Amino acid sequence: MKTSNKGVLSEIIAQSHFAKDPNLLVFTPLCGVGPVDIVTYNLTTKEYTNYDVKTESFRLSDTKYGNKNKDRINRAPNKRQKHLNVKILYVNKDGKITIKWNYQKILH
């Protein structure tokens, strides 16, 4: 499967994951361009959450930086995404979702 198709499939899996929750409204950007792939609105808490969806991928070999073969490649949010409190959402080949959000917020 092409890389771009994997990304589209991962976004659809993530959208369907959130759509199963009756307390969430799920939004996606028109044309699919921007720092956020999915926005959810929680009807109970009245909070919005921003997500950038990534297809989980693994290293093919060891690196000089201490990363090992078969380690997950972790994607870092850019400065704009940090400012928007975007969470990185990984979708693995089996459709399992992992959400990463352990970086510090940048305020103005």
PDB file of N, CA and C in Angstrom:
ATOM      1  N   MET A   1       0.843  -1.175   0.000  1.00  0.00           N
ATOM      2  CA  MET A   1       0.000   0.000   0.000  1.00  0.00           C
ATOM      3  C   MET A   1       0.891   1.243   0.000  1.00  0.00           C
ATOM      4  N   LYS A   2       0.500   2.244  -0.756  1.00  0.00           N
ATOM      5  CA  LYS A   2       1.262   3.491  -0.809  1.00  0.00           C
ATOM      6  C   LYS A   2       1.209   4.206   0.544  1.00  0.00           C
ATOM      7  N   THR A   3       2.264   4.959   0.821  1.00  0.00           N
ATOM      8  CA  THR A   3       2.362   5.697   2.088  1.00  0.00           C
ATOM      9  C   THR A   3       1.179   6.640   2.275  1.00  0.00           C
ATOM     10  N   SER A   4       0.800   7.361   1.216  1.00  0.00           N
ATOM     11  CA  SER A   4      -0.309   8.311   1.332  1.00  0.00           C
ATOM     12  C   SER A   4      -1.624   7.585   1.624  1.00  0.00           C
ATOM     13  N   ASN A   5      -1.801   6.404   1.049  1.00  0.00           N
ATOM     14  CA  ASN A   5      -3.012   5.629   1.316  1.00  0.00           C
ATOM     15  C   ASN A   5      -3.041   5.140   2.759  1.00  0.00           C
ATOM     16  N   LYS A   6      -1.867   4.789   3.292  1.00  0.00           N
ATOM     17  CA  LYS A   6      -1.793   4.365   4.694  1.00  0.00           C
ATOM     18  C   LYS A   6      -2.228   5.506   5.608  1.00  0.00           C
ATOM     19  N   GLY A   7      -1.802   6.718   5.278  1.00  0.00           N
ATOM     20  CA  GLY A   7      -2.169   7.881   6.079  1.00  0.00           C
ATOM     21  C   GLY A   7      -3.663   8.139   6.065  1.00  0.00           C
ATOM     22  N   VAL A   8      -4.271   8.040   4.898  1.00  0.00           N
ATOM     23  CA  VAL A   8      -5.719   8.244   4.778  1.00  0.00           C
ATOM     24  C   VAL A   8      -6.459   7.172   5.570  1.00  0.00           C
ATOM     25  N   LEU A   9      -6.023   5.926   5.445  1.00  0.00           N
ATOM     26  CA  LEU A   9      -6.650   4.835   6.181  1.00  0.00           C
ATOM     27  C   LEU A   9      -6.514   5.044   7.691  1.00  0.00           C
ATOM     28  N   SER A  10      -5.350   5.490   8.147  1.00  0.00           N
ATOM     29  CA  SER A  10      -5.146   5.757   9.575  1.00  0.00           C
ATOM     30  C   SER A  10      -6.086   6.850  10.076  1.00  0.00           C
ATOM     31  N   GLU A  11      -6.288   7.883   9.282  1.00  0.00           N
ATOM     32  CA  GLU A  11      -7.201   8.954   9.683  1.00  0.00           C
ATOM     33  C   GLU A  11      -8.631   8.446   9.793  1.00  0.00           C
ATOM     34  N   ILE A  12      -9.044   7.594   8.861  1.00  0.00           N
ATOM     35  CA  ILE A  12     -10.402   7.037   8.897  1.00  0.00           C
ATOM     36  C   ILE A  12     -10.581   6.140  10.118  1.00  0.00           C
ATOM     37  N   ILE A  13      -9.568   5.342  10.431  1.00  0.00           N
ATOM     38  CA  ILE A  13      -9.629   4.489  11.629  1.00  0.00           C
ATOM     39  C   ILE A  13      -9.747   5.348  12.878  1.00  0.00           C
ATOM     40  N   ALA A  14      -8.965   6.418  12.954  1.00  0.00           N
ATOM     41  CA  ALA A  14      -9.019   7.312  14.117  1.00  0.00           C
ATOM     42  C   ALA A  14     -10.387   7.996  14.219  1.00  0.00           C
ATOM     43  N   GLN A  15     -10.928   8.438  13.102  1.00  0.00           N
ATOM     44  CA  GLN A  15     -12.246   9.070  13.114  1.00  0.00           C
ATOM     45  C   GLN A  15     -13.312   8.103  13.604  1.00  0.00           C
ATOM     46  N   SER A  16     -13.254   6.859  13.118  1.00  0.00           N
ATOM     47  CA  SER A  16     -14.259   5.878  13.541  1.00  0.00           C
ATOM     48  C   SER A  16     -14.103   5.533  15.023  1.00  0.00           C
ATOM     49  N   HIS A  17     -12.864   5.538  15.513  1.00  0.00           N
ATOM     50  CA  HIS A  17     -12.614   5.301  16.939  1.00  0.00           C
ATOM     51  C   HIS A  17     -13.333   6.355  17.789  1.00  0.00           C
ATOM     52  N   PHE A  18     -13.171   7.611  17.424  1.00  0.00           N
ATOM     53  CA  PHE A  18     -13.806   8.696  18.184  1.00  0.00           C
ATOM     54  C   PHE A  18     -15.317   8.724  17.973  1.00  0.00           C
ATOM     55  N   ALA A  19     -15.782   8.370  16.780  1.00  0.00           N
ATOM     56  CA  ALA A  19     -17.214   8.405  16.470  1.00  0.00           C
ATOM     57  C   ALA A  19     -18.011   7.404  17.307  1.00  0.00           C
ATOM     58  N   LYS A  20     -17.353   6.390  17.840  1.00  0.00           N
ATOM     59  CA  LYS A  20     -18.035   5.398  18.682  1.00  0.00           C
ATOM     60  C   LYS A  20     -18.448   5.975  20.029  1.00  0.00           C
ATOM     61  N   ASP A  21     -17.828   7.069  20.438  1.00  0.00           N
ATOM     62  CA  ASP A  21     -18.143   7.703  21.719  1.00  0.00           C
ATOM     63  C   ASP A  21     -19.309   8.673  21.525  1.00  0.00           C
ATOM     64  N   PRO A  22     -20.475   8.391  22.133  1.00  0.00           N
ATOM     65  CA  PRO A  22     -21.641   9.261  21.923  1.00  0.00           C
ATOM     66  C   PRO A  22     -21.475  10.668  22.494  1.00  0.00           C
ATOM     67  N   ASN A  23     -20.465  10.882  23.339  1.00  0.00           N
ATOM     68  CA  ASN A  23     -20.238  12.208  23.917  1.00  0.00           C
ATOM     69  C   ASN A  23     -19.304  13.067  23.069  1.00  0.00           C
ATOM     70  N   LEU A  24     -18.802  12.526  21.954  1.00  0.00           N
ATOM     71  CA  LEU A  24     -17.865  13.278  21.113  1.00  0.00           C
ATOM     72  C   LEU A  24     -18.454  13.626  19.760  1.00  0.00           C
ATOM     73  N   LEU A  25     -18.183  14.837  19.316  1.00  0.00           N
ATOM     74  CA  LEU A  25     -18.410  15.231  17.925  1.00  0.00           C
ATOM     75  C   LEU A  25     -17.037  15.251  17.272  1.00  0.00           C
ATOM     76  N   VAL A  26     -16.930  14.722  16.062  1.00  0.00           N
ATOM     77  CA  VAL A  26     -15.646  14.587  15.377  1.00  0.00           C
ATOM     78  C   VAL A  26     -15.633  15.492  14.152  1.00  0.00           C
ATOM     79  N   PHE A  27     -14.583  16.303  14.034  1.00  0.00           N
ATOM     80  CA  PHE A  27     -14.428  17.226  12.916  1.00  0.00           C
ATOM     81  C   PHE A  27     -13.102  16.969  12.210  1.00  0.00           C
ATOM     82  N   THR A  28     -13.090  17.143  10.901  1.00  0.00           N
ATOM     83  CA  THR A  28     -11.854  17.030  10.118  1.00  0.00           C
ATOM     84  C   THR A  28     -11.727  18.267   9.242  1.00  0.00           C
ATOM     85  N   PRO A  29     -10.495  18.668   8.911  1.00  0.00           N
ATOM     86  CA  PRO A  29     -10.310  19.871   8.101  1.00  0.00           C
ATOM     87  C   PRO A  29     -10.743  19.651   6.653  1.00  0.00           C
ATOM     88  N   LEU A  30     -11.305  20.659   6.065  1.00  0.00           N
ATOM     89  CA  LEU A  30     -11.651  20.640   4.647  1.00  0.00           C
ATOM     90  C   LEU A  30     -10.356  20.596   3.847  1.00  0.00           C
ATOM     91  N   CYS A  31     -10.233  19.742   2.891  1.00  0.00           N
ATOM     92  CA  CYS A  31      -9.034  19.562   2.054  1.00  0.00           C
ATOM     93  C   CYS A  31      -7.898  18.849   2.782  1.00  0.00           C
ATOM     94  N   GLY A  32      -8.020  18.576   4.065  1.00  0.00           N
ATOM     95  CA  GLY A  32      -7.035  17.785   4.789  1.00  0.00           C
ATOM     96  C   GLY A  32      -5.664  18.396   4.949  1.00  0.00           C
ATOM     97  N   VAL A  33      -5.572  19.721   4.960  1.00  0.00           N
ATOM     98  CA  VAL A  33      -4.274  20.379   5.081  1.00  0.00           C
ATOM     99  C   VAL A  33      -4.249  21.218   6.357  1.00  0.00           C
ATOM    100  N   GLY A  34      -3.148  21.128   7.107  1.00  0.00           N
ATOM    101  CA  GLY A  34      -3.010  21.948   8.297  1.00  0.00           C
ATOM    102  C   GLY A  34      -2.335  21.181   9.416  1.00  0.00           C
ATOM    103  N   PRO A  35      -2.163  21.826  10.566  1.00  0.00           N
ATOM    104  CA  PRO A  35      -1.454  21.211  11.687  1.00  0.00           C
ATOM    105  C   PRO A  35      -2.299  20.203  12.470  1.00  0.00           C
ATOM    106  N   VAL A  36      -3.598  20.134  12.174  1.00  0.00           N
ATOM    107  CA  VAL A  36      -4.517  19.264  12.908  1.00  0.00           C
ATOM    108  C   VAL A  36      -5.267  18.384  11.907  1.00  0.00           C
ATOM    109  N   ASP A  37      -5.343  17.083  12.189  1.00  0.00           N
ATOM    110  CA  ASP A  37      -6.086  16.155  11.330  1.00  0.00           C
ATOM    111  C   ASP A  37      -7.506  15.924  11.824  1.00  0.00           C
ATOM    112  N   ILE A  38      -7.682  15.909  13.142  1.00  0.00           N
ATOM    113  CA  ILE A  38      -8.999  15.664  13.740  1.00  0.00           C
ATOM    114  C   ILE A  38      -9.168  16.582  14.942  1.00  0.00           C
ATOM    115  N   VAL A  39     -10.376  17.144  15.072  1.00  0.00           N
ATOM    116  CA  VAL A  39     -10.748  17.901  16.271  1.00  0.00           C
ATOM    117  C   VAL A  39     -11.966  17.204  16.853  1.00  0.00           C
ATOM    118  N   THR A  40     -11.919  16.926  18.152  1.00  0.00           N
ATOM    119  CA  THR A  40     -13.097  16.367  18.814  1.00  0.00           C
ATOM    120  C   THR A  40     -13.642  17.391  19.804  1.00  0.00           C
ATOM    121  N   TYR A  41     -14.965  17.391  19.939  1.00  0.00           N
ATOM    122  CA  TYR A  41     -15.624  18.243  20.923  1.00  0.00           C
ATOM    123  C   TYR A  41     -16.408  17.337  21.861  1.00  0.00           C
ATOM    124  N   ASN A  42     -16.101  17.412  23.152  1.00  0.00           N
ATOM    125  CA  ASN A  42     -16.765  16.592  24.142  1.00  0.00           C
ATOM    126  C   ASN A  42     -18.023  17.315  24.619  1.00  0.00           C
ATOM    127  N   LEU A  43     -19.191  16.719  24.382  1.00  0.00           N
ATOM    128  CA  LEU A  43     -20.463  17.338  24.740  1.00  0.00           C
ATOM    129  C   LEU A  43     -20.653  17.451  26.255  1.00  0.00           C
ATOM    130  N   THR A  44     -20.001  16.587  27.020  1.00  0.00           N
ATOM    131  CA  THR A  44     -20.123  16.603  28.469  1.00  0.00           C
ATOM    132  C   THR A  44     -19.230  17.655  29.103  1.00  0.00           C
ATOM    133  N   THR A  45     -17.950  17.656  28.718  1.00  0.00           N
ATOM    134  CA  THR A  45     -16.984  18.574  29.335  1.00  0.00           C
ATOM    135  C   THR A  45     -16.876  19.911  28.609  1.00  0.00           C
ATOM    136  N   LYS A  46     -17.447  19.969  27.388  1.00  0.00           N
ATOM    137  CA  LYS A  46     -17.391  21.191  26.553  1.00  0.00           C
ATOM    138  C   LYS A  46     -15.964  21.533  26.140  1.00  0.00           C
ATOM    139  N   GLU A  47     -15.106  20.517  26.001  1.00  0.00           N
ATOM    140  CA  GLU A  47     -13.700  20.733  25.637  1.00  0.00           C
ATOM    141  C   GLU A  47     -13.418  20.237  24.226  1.00  0.00           C
ATOM    142  N   TYR A  48     -12.553  20.977  23.533  1.00  0.00           N
ATOM    143  CA  TYR A  48     -12.046  20.581  22.232  1.00  0.00           C
ATOM    144  C   TYR A  48     -10.684  19.910  22.414  1.00  0.00           C
ATOM    145  N   THR A  49     -10.390  18.906  21.588  1.00  0.00           N
ATOM    146  CA  THR A  49      -9.077  18.272  21.589  1.00  0.00           C
ATOM    147  C   THR A  49      -8.612  18.145  20.146  1.00  0.00           C
ATOM    148  N   ASN A  50      -7.366  18.531  19.892  1.00  0.00           N
ATOM    149  CA  ASN A  50      -6.780  18.485  18.545  1.00  0.00           C
ATOM    150  C   ASN A  50      -5.852  17.288  18.421  1.00  0.00           C
ATOM    151  N   TYR A  51      -5.894  16.613  17.260  1.00  0.00           N
ATOM    152  CA  TYR A  51      -5.061  15.439  17.022  1.00  0.00           C
ATOM    153  C   TYR A  51      -4.371  15.526  15.668  1.00  0.00           C
ATOM    154  N   ASP A  52      -3.141  15.064  15.627  1.00  0.00           N
ATOM    155  CA  ASP A  52      -2.410  14.843  14.383  1.00  0.00           C
ATOM    156  C   ASP A  52      -2.245  13.334  14.264  1.00  0.00           C
ATOM    157  N   VAL A  53      -2.805  12.737  13.213  1.00  0.00           N
ATOM    158  CA  VAL A  53      -2.808  11.284  13.059  1.00  0.00           C
ATOM    159  C   VAL A  53      -1.574  10.830  12.290  1.00  0.00           C
ATOM    160  N   LYS A  54      -0.905   9.824  12.832  1.00  0.00           N
ATOM    161  CA  LYS A  54       0.283   9.250  12.197  1.00  0.00           C
ATOM    162  C   LYS A  54       0.118   7.738  12.096  1.00  0.00           C
ATOM    163  N   THR A  55       0.574   7.175  10.998  1.00  0.00           N
ATOM    164  CA  THR A  55       0.627   5.731  10.863  1.00  0.00           C
ATOM    165  C   THR A  55       1.883   5.263  11.573  1.00  0.00           C
ATOM    166  N   GLU A  56       1.721   4.319  12.480  1.00  0.00           N
ATOM    167  CA  GLU A  56       2.862   3.827  13.248  1.00  0.00           C
ATOM    168  C   GLU A  56       3.862   3.152  12.307  1.00  0.00           C
ATOM    169  N   SER A  57       5.121   3.523  12.466  1.00  0.00           N
ATOM    170  CA  SER A  57       6.186   2.904  11.674  1.00  0.00           C
ATOM    171  C   SER A  57       7.373   2.603  12.583  1.00  0.00           C
ATOM    172  N   PHE A  58       8.209   1.685  12.122  1.00  0.00           N
ATOM    173  CA  PHE A  58       9.313   1.207  12.951  1.00  0.00           C
ATOM    174  C   PHE A  58      10.641   1.325  12.222  1.00  0.00           C
ATOM    175  N   ARG A  59      11.705   1.480  12.982  1.00  0.00           N
ATOM    176  CA  ARG A  59      13.049   1.583  12.417  1.00  0.00           C
ATOM    177  C   ARG A  59      13.457   0.264  11.779  1.00  0.00           C
ATOM    178  N   LEU A  60      14.183   0.373  10.678  1.00  0.00           N
ATOM    179  CA  LEU A  60      14.655  -0.811   9.971  1.00  0.00           C
ATOM    180  C   LEU A  60      16.047  -1.232  10.412  1.00  0.00           C
ATOM    181  N   SER A  61      16.729  -0.324  11.134  1.00  0.00           N
ATOM    182  CA  SER A  61      18.071  -0.655  11.623  1.00  0.00           C
ATOM    183  C   SER A  61      18.409   0.217  12.827  1.00  0.00           C
ATOM    184  N   ASP A  62      19.484  -0.133  13.521  1.00  0.00           N
ATOM    185  CA  ASP A  62      19.958   0.676  14.642  1.00  0.00           C
ATOM    186  C   ASP A  62      20.483   2.012  14.116  1.00  0.00           C
ATOM    187  N   THR A  63      20.438   3.049  14.985  1.00  0.00           N
ATOM    188  CA  THR A  63      20.976   4.347  14.605  1.00  0.00           C
ATOM    189  C   THR A  63      22.113   4.718  15.540  1.00  0.00           C
ATOM    190  N   LYS A  64      22.879   5.723  15.149  1.00  0.00           N
ATOM    191  CA  LYS A  64      23.978   6.173  16.001  1.00  0.00           C
ATOM    192  C   LYS A  64      23.482   6.945  17.226  1.00  0.00           C
ATOM    193  N   TYR A  65      22.171   7.226  17.286  1.00  0.00           N
ATOM    194  CA  TYR A  65      21.602   7.982  18.402  1.00  0.00           C
ATOM    195  C   TYR A  65      21.014   7.077  19.480  1.00  0.00           C
ATOM    196  N   GLY A  66      21.239   5.781  19.375  1.00  0.00           N
ATOM    197  CA  GLY A  66      20.759   4.856  20.399  1.00  0.00           C
ATOM    198  C   GLY A  66      19.423   4.206  20.091  1.00  0.00           C
ATOM    199  N   ASN A  67      18.824   4.566  18.959  1.00  0.00           N
ATOM    200  CA  ASN A  67      17.578   3.918  18.575  1.00  0.00           C
ATOM    201  C   ASN A  67      17.884   2.537  18.002  1.00  0.00           C
ATOM    202  N   LYS A  68      17.067   1.584  18.344  1.00  0.00           N
ATOM    203  CA  LYS A  68      17.304   0.202  17.940  1.00  0.00           C
ATOM    204  C   LYS A  68      16.389  -0.215  16.798  1.00  0.00           C
ATOM    205  N   ASN A  69      16.822  -1.245  16.099  1.00  0.00           N
ATOM    206  CA  ASN A  69      16.013  -1.855  15.060  1.00  0.00           C
ATOM    207  C   ASN A  69      14.647  -2.234  15.649  1.00  0.00           C
ATOM    208  N   LYS A  70      13.598  -1.937  14.939  1.00  0.00           N
ATOM    209  CA  LYS A  70      12.204  -2.237  15.305  1.00  0.00           C
ATOM    210  C   LYS A  70      11.642  -1.328  16.392  1.00  0.00           C
ATOM    211  N   ASP A  71      12.377  -0.280  16.808  1.00  0.00           N
ATOM    212  CA  ASP A  71      11.811   0.734  17.706  1.00  0.00           C
ATOM    213  C   ASP A  71      10.800   1.552  16.912  1.00  0.00           C
ATOM    214  N   ARG A  72       9.723   1.994  17.599  1.00  0.00           N
ATOM    215  CA  ARG A  72       8.754   2.864  16.929  1.00  0.00           C
ATOM    216  C   ARG A  72       9.404   4.209  16.641  1.00  0.00           C
ATOM    217  N   ILE A  73       9.129   4.752  15.475  1.00  0.00           N
ATOM    218  CA  ILE A  73       9.606   6.087  15.127  1.00  0.00           C
ATOM    219  C   ILE A  73       8.621   7.082  15.728  1.00  0.00           C
ATOM    220  N   ASN A  74       9.084   7.865  16.688  1.00  0.00           N
ATOM    221  CA  ASN A  74       8.230   8.845  17.350  1.00  0.00           C
ATOM    222  C   ASN A  74       8.275  10.160  16.591  1.00  0.00           C
ATOM    223  N   ARG A  75       7.120  10.673  16.272  1.00  0.00           N
ATOM    224  CA  ARG A  75       7.000  11.940  15.549  1.00  0.00           C
ATOM    225  C   ARG A  75       6.839  13.061  16.565  1.00  0.00           C
ATOM    226  N   ALA A  76       7.584  14.112  16.379  1.00  0.00           N
ATOM    227  CA  ALA A  76       7.509  15.253  17.290  1.00  0.00           C
ATOM    228  C   ALA A  76       6.589  16.324  16.713  1.00  0.00           C
ATOM    229  N   PRO A  77       5.747  16.909  17.552  1.00  0.00           N
ATOM    230  CA  PRO A  77       4.909  18.006  17.073  1.00  0.00           C
ATOM    231  C   PRO A  77       5.767  19.232  16.791  1.00  0.00           C
ATOM    232  N   ASN A  78       5.366  19.999  15.772  1.00  0.00           N
ATOM    233  CA  ASN A  78       6.109  21.224  15.487  1.00  0.00           C
ATOM    234  C   ASN A  78       5.661  22.336  16.447  1.00  0.00           C
ATOM    235  N   LYS A  79       6.291  23.478  16.350  1.00  0.00           N
ATOM    236  CA  LYS A  79       6.021  24.584  17.275  1.00  0.00           C
ATOM    237  C   LYS A  79       4.550  25.002  17.230  1.00  0.00           C
ATOM    238  N   ARG A  80       3.995  25.064  16.038  1.00  0.00           N
ATOM    239  CA  ARG A  80       2.586  25.459  15.893  1.00  0.00           C
ATOM    240  C   ARG A  80       1.661  24.434  16.554  1.00  0.00           C
ATOM    241  N   GLN A  81       1.965  23.160  16.369  1.00  0.00           N
ATOM    242  CA  GLN A  81       1.158  22.114  16.985  1.00  0.00           C
ATOM    243  C   GLN A  81       1.262  22.164  18.507  1.00  0.00           C
ATOM    244  N   LYS A  82       2.434  22.443  19.024  1.00  0.00           N
ATOM    245  CA  LYS A  82       2.598  22.574  20.471  1.00  0.00           C
ATOM    246  C   LYS A  82       1.746  23.720  20.996  1.00  0.00           C
ATOM    247  N   HIS A  83       1.744  24.833  20.282  1.00  0.00           N
ATOM    248  CA  HIS A  83       0.958  25.998  20.688  1.00  0.00           C
ATOM    249  C   HIS A  83      -0.541  25.667  20.696  1.00  0.00           C
ATOM    250  N   LEU A  84      -0.969  24.811  19.768  1.00  0.00           N
ATOM    251  CA  LEU A  84      -2.378  24.420  19.661  1.00  0.00           C
ATOM    252  C   LEU A  84      -2.727  23.203  20.527  1.00  0.00           C
ATOM    253  N   ASN A  85      -1.758  22.723  21.314  1.00  0.00           N
ATOM    254  CA  ASN A  85      -1.955  21.552  22.178  1.00  0.00           C
ATOM    255  C   ASN A  85      -2.403  20.322  21.387  1.00  0.00           C
ATOM    256  N   VAL A  86      -1.758  20.096  20.262  1.00  0.00           N
ATOM    257  CA  VAL A  86      -2.102  18.961  19.408  1.00  0.00           C
ATOM    258  C   VAL A  86      -1.504  17.689  19.985  1.00  0.00           C
ATOM    259  N   LYS A  87      -2.322  16.656  20.089  1.00  0.00           N
ATOM    260  CA  LYS A  87      -1.866  15.344  20.544  1.00  0.00           C
ATOM    261  C   LYS A  87      -1.521  14.507  19.313  1.00  0.00           C
ATOM    262  N   ILE A  88      -0.428  13.760  19.397  1.00  0.00           N
ATOM    263  CA  ILE A  88      -0.046  12.867  18.306  1.00  0.00           C
ATOM    264  C   ILE A  88      -0.754  11.534  18.531  1.00  0.00           C
ATOM    265  N   LEU A  89      -1.511  11.095  17.532  1.00  0.00           N
ATOM    266  CA  LEU A  89      -2.260   9.852  17.611  1.00  0.00           C
ATOM    267  C   LEU A  89      -1.667   8.869  16.612  1.00  0.00           C
ATOM    268  N   TYR A  90      -1.179   7.745  17.104  1.00  0.00           N
ATOM    269  CA  TYR A  90      -0.597   6.714  16.246  1.00  0.00           C
ATOM    270  C   TYR A  90      -1.618   5.619  15.998  1.00  0.00           C
ATOM    271  N   VAL A  91      -1.689   5.144  14.746  1.00  0.00           N
ATOM    272  CA  VAL A  91      -2.526   4.000  14.396  1.00  0.00           C
ATOM    273  C   VAL A  91      -1.598   2.909  13.894  1.00  0.00           C
ATOM    274  N   ASN A  92      -1.651   1.733  14.539  1.00  0.00           N
ATOM    275  CA  ASN A  92      -0.768   0.652  14.095  1.00  0.00           C
ATOM    276  C   ASN A  92      -1.442  -0.174  12.997  1.00  0.00           C
ATOM    277  N   LYS A  93      -0.728  -1.148  12.474  1.00  0.00           N
ATOM    278  CA  LYS A  93      -1.232  -1.918  11.333  1.00  0.00           C
ATOM    279  C   LYS A  93      -2.485  -2.727  11.661  1.00  0.00           C
ATOM    280  N   ASP A  94      -2.735  -2.982  12.964  1.00  0.00           N
ATOM    281  CA  ASP A  94      -3.926  -3.718  13.383  1.00  0.00           C
ATOM    282  C   ASP A  94      -5.084  -2.797  13.764  1.00  0.00           C
ATOM    283  N   GLY A  95      -4.883  -1.478  13.635  1.00  0.00           N
ATOM    284  CA  GLY A  95      -5.928  -0.512  13.955  1.00  0.00           C
ATOM    285  C   GLY A  95      -5.941  -0.054  15.402  1.00  0.00           C
ATOM    286  N   LYS A  96      -4.961  -0.484  16.194  1.00  0.00           N
ATOM    287  CA  LYS A  96      -4.861  -0.050  17.590  1.00  0.00           C
ATOM    288  C   LYS A  96      -4.371   1.390  17.630  1.00  0.00           C
ATOM    289  N   ILE A  97      -4.944   2.161  18.541  1.00  0.00           N
ATOM    290  CA  ILE A  97      -4.614   3.584  18.640  1.00  0.00           C
ATOM    291  C   ILE A  97      -3.842   3.868  19.919  1.00  0.00           C
ATOM    292  N   THR A  98      -2.766   4.660  19.777  1.00  0.00           N
ATOM    293  CA  THR A  98      -1.969   5.131  20.899  1.00  0.00           C
ATOM    294  C   THR A  98      -1.880   6.643  20.791  1.00  0.00           C
ATOM    295  N   ILE A  99      -2.140   7.339  21.896  1.00  0.00           N
ATOM    296  CA  ILE A  99      -2.086   8.809  21.890  1.00  0.00           C
ATOM    297  C   ILE A  99      -0.914   9.262  22.735  1.00  0.00           C
ATOM    298  N   LYS A 100      -0.093  10.133  22.146  1.00  0.00           N
ATOM    299  CA  LYS A 100       1.091  10.660  22.825  1.00  0.00           C
ATOM    300  C   LYS A 100       0.904  12.152  23.052  1.00  0.00           C
ATOM    301  N   TRP A 101       1.151  12.561  24.291  1.00  0.00           N
ATOM    302  CA  TRP A 101       1.060  13.994  24.616  1.00  0.00           C
ATOM    303  C   TRP A 101       1.878  14.247  25.863  1.00  0.00           C
ATOM    304  N   ASN A 102       3.198  14.184  25.716  1.00  0.00           N
ATOM    305  CA  ASN A 102       4.042  14.363  26.894  1.00  0.00           C
ATOM    306  C   ASN A 102       5.065  15.474  26.710  1.00  0.00           C
ATOM    307  N   TYR A 103       4.776  16.415  25.841  1.00  0.00           N
ATOM    308  CA  TYR A 103       5.666  17.557  25.657  1.00  0.00           C
ATOM    309  C   TYR A 103       5.086  18.762  26.383  1.00  0.00           C
ATOM    310  N   GLN A 104       5.908  19.746  26.647  1.00  0.00           N
ATOM    311  CA  GLN A 104       5.454  20.932  27.367  1.00  0.00           C
ATOM    312  C   GLN A 104       4.743  21.881  26.402  1.00  0.00           C
ATOM    313  N   LYS A 105       3.720  22.525  26.911  1.00  0.00           N
ATOM    314  CA  LYS A 105       2.983  23.508  26.120  1.00  0.00           C
ATOM    315  C   LYS A 105       3.836  24.765  25.952  1.00  0.00           C
ATOM    316  N   ILE A 106       3.744  25.357  24.781  1.00  0.00           N
ATOM    317  CA  ILE A 106       4.399  26.642  24.535  1.00  0.00           C
ATOM    318  C   ILE A 106       3.319  27.716  24.606  1.00  0.00           C
ATOM    319  N   LEU A 107       3.501  28.649  25.490  1.00  0.00           N
ATOM    320  CA  LEU A 107       2.534  29.732  25.626  1.00  0.00           C
ATOM    321  C   LEU A 107       3.116  31.008  25.055  1.00  0.00           C
ATOM    322  N   HIS A 108       2.450  31.535  24.091  1.00  0.00           N
ATOM    323  CA  HIS A 108       2.835  32.767  23.392  1.00  0.00           C
ATOM    324  C   HIS A 108       4.315  32.847  23.325  1.00  0.00           C
TER     325      HIS A 108
END
